[in-house]
Amino acid sequence: MVSEVEKVAVELLYQLKDQKRRFIALEPCENAKALNVDAGKRVLKLSYYEALINARVHMNLLKGKYAFVFDLENESHLHKLQQLAGNSSEYHIYSKTEVNGLA
């Protein structure tokens, strides 16, 4: 089964924070060409975790500049993610549709 993905809106960050899914991992998206995004933008995949240990395990599998765990309870991390998810950003951030469907 192929997972559906949607572009992350800033509002999603607050939904995740409210639901205690505060640890965020970003990684390069392997299926960027299938998403039909602007050629000059980098595409990242957002994953969320309730427990820091799970986010760290995920990040330990990655190498390079994306190996960082964001904490939505940290105001500077939240601000950085807001910038990355904004319309004027050089990034497109996507997540699974089920995450965006959270209410």
Protein backbone atom coordinates (compact mmCIF):
# COMPACT_ATOMS: atom_id res chain seq x y z
CA MET A 1 0.00 0.00 0.00
CA VAL A 2 1.40 3.39 -1.01
CA SER A 3 1.13 6.13 1.61
CA GLU A 4 -0.53 9.37 0.60
CA VAL A 5 1.40 12.52 1.43
CA GLU A 6 0.42 16.16 1.70
CA LYS A 7 2.33 19.40 2.04
CA VAL A 8 2.74 20.43 5.68
CA ALA A 9 1.01 23.62 6.79
CA VAL A 10 2.20 25.59 9.82
CA GLU A 11 -1.06 24.69 11.59
CA LEU A 12 -0.02 21.03 11.62
CA LEU A 13 2.91 21.87 13.89
CA TYR A 14 0.51 23.21 16.51
CA GLN A 15 -1.74 20.16 16.14
CA LEU A 16 1.21 17.86 16.77
CA LYS A 17 2.35 19.95 19.74
CA ASP A 18 -1.13 19.86 21.29
CA GLN A 19 -1.29 16.11 20.85
CA LYS A 20 2.09 15.58 22.55
CA ARG A 21 3.73 14.43 19.32
CA ARG A 22 6.43 16.95 19.92
CA PHE A 23 9.57 15.38 18.44
CA ILE A 24 10.00 16.03 14.72
CA ALA A 25 12.45 14.46 12.30
CA LEU A 26 13.00 15.82 8.79
CA GLU A 27 14.74 13.88 6.05
CA PRO A 28 15.17 14.21 2.30
CA CYS A 29 12.16 12.80 0.46
CA GLU A 30 13.05 9.99 -1.93
CA ASN A 31 9.87 10.36 -4.00
CA ALA A 32 10.25 14.09 -4.69
CA LYS A 33 9.73 13.75 -8.45
CA ALA A 34 6.36 12.05 -7.92
CA LEU A 35 5.13 15.04 -5.88
CA ASN A 36 5.40 17.50 -8.80
CA VAL A 37 7.07 20.27 -6.80
CA ASP A 38 8.92 23.34 -8.03
CA ALA A 39 12.30 22.45 -9.48
CA GLY A 40 14.31 24.80 -7.27
CA LYS A 41 12.88 23.61 -3.95
CA ARG A 42 14.24 20.87 -1.72
CA VAL A 43 11.70 18.30 -0.57
CA LEU A 44 11.74 16.96 3.00
CA LYS A 45 9.63 14.32 4.71
CA LEU A 46 8.35 15.05 8.22
CA SER A 47 8.03 12.27 10.79
CA TYR A 48 6.74 12.82 14.31
CA TYR A 49 7.24 10.98 17.58
CA GLU A 50 5.86 11.10 21.11
CA ALA A 51 9.10 9.76 22.61
CA LEU A 52 12.51 11.31 22.10
CA ILE A 53 14.21 7.90 21.99
CA ASN A 54 12.16 6.90 18.92
CA ALA A 55 13.06 10.13 17.13
CA ARG A 56 16.74 9.62 17.94
CA VAL A 57 16.67 6.06 16.58
CA HIS A 58 15.21 7.40 13.33
CA MET A 59 17.81 10.17 13.12
CA ASN A 60 20.68 7.78 13.84
CA LEU A 61 19.81 6.02 10.59
CA LEU A 62 20.37 9.27 8.68
CA LYS A 63 23.66 10.93 7.99
CA GLY A 64 24.44 14.52 7.11
CA LYS A 65 22.86 17.85 7.86
CA TYR A 66 19.34 16.55 8.41
CA ALA A 67 20.27 14.44 11.44
CA PHE A 68 18.56 16.73 13.96
CA VAL A 69 15.51 16.20 16.19
CA PHE A 70 13.24 19.22 16.55
CA ASP A 71 11.29 19.62 19.81
CA LEU A 72 8.03 21.53 19.40
CA GLU A 73 8.20 22.53 23.08
CA ASN A 74 11.39 24.47 22.31
CA GLU A 75 10.35 27.88 20.93
CA SER A 76 13.43 28.24 18.72
CA HIS A 77 12.82 24.80 17.18
CA LEU A 78 9.15 25.62 16.59
CA HIS A 79 10.09 28.94 15.00
CA LYS A 80 12.59 27.25 12.66
CA LEU A 81 10.00 24.66 11.59
CA GLN A 82 7.49 27.47 10.95
CA GLN A 83 10.03 29.12 8.65
CA LEU A 84 10.74 25.85 6.84
CA ALA A 85 7.03 25.12 6.33
CA GLY A 86 6.22 28.67 5.19
CA ASN A 87 5.34 29.55 1.61
CA SER A 88 8.49 31.61 1.10
CA SER A 89 10.78 28.79 2.20
CA GLU A 90 13.22 27.05 -0.13
CA TYR A 91 11.79 23.74 1.14
CA HIS A 92 8.63 21.76 0.61
CA ILE A 93 7.84 19.61 3.64
CA TYR A 94 5.49 16.66 3.30
CA SER A 95 3.96 14.21 5.77
CA LYS A 96 1.61 11.26 5.66
CA THR A 97 -2.02 12.21 5.00
CA GLU A 98 -3.11 10.56 8.27
CA VAL A 99 -1.01 13.10 10.19
CA ASN A 100 -2.65 16.03 8.41
CA GLY A 101 -6.07 14.57 9.18
CA LEU A 102 -5.59 14.97 12.92
CA ALA A 103 -8.17 17.14 14.59
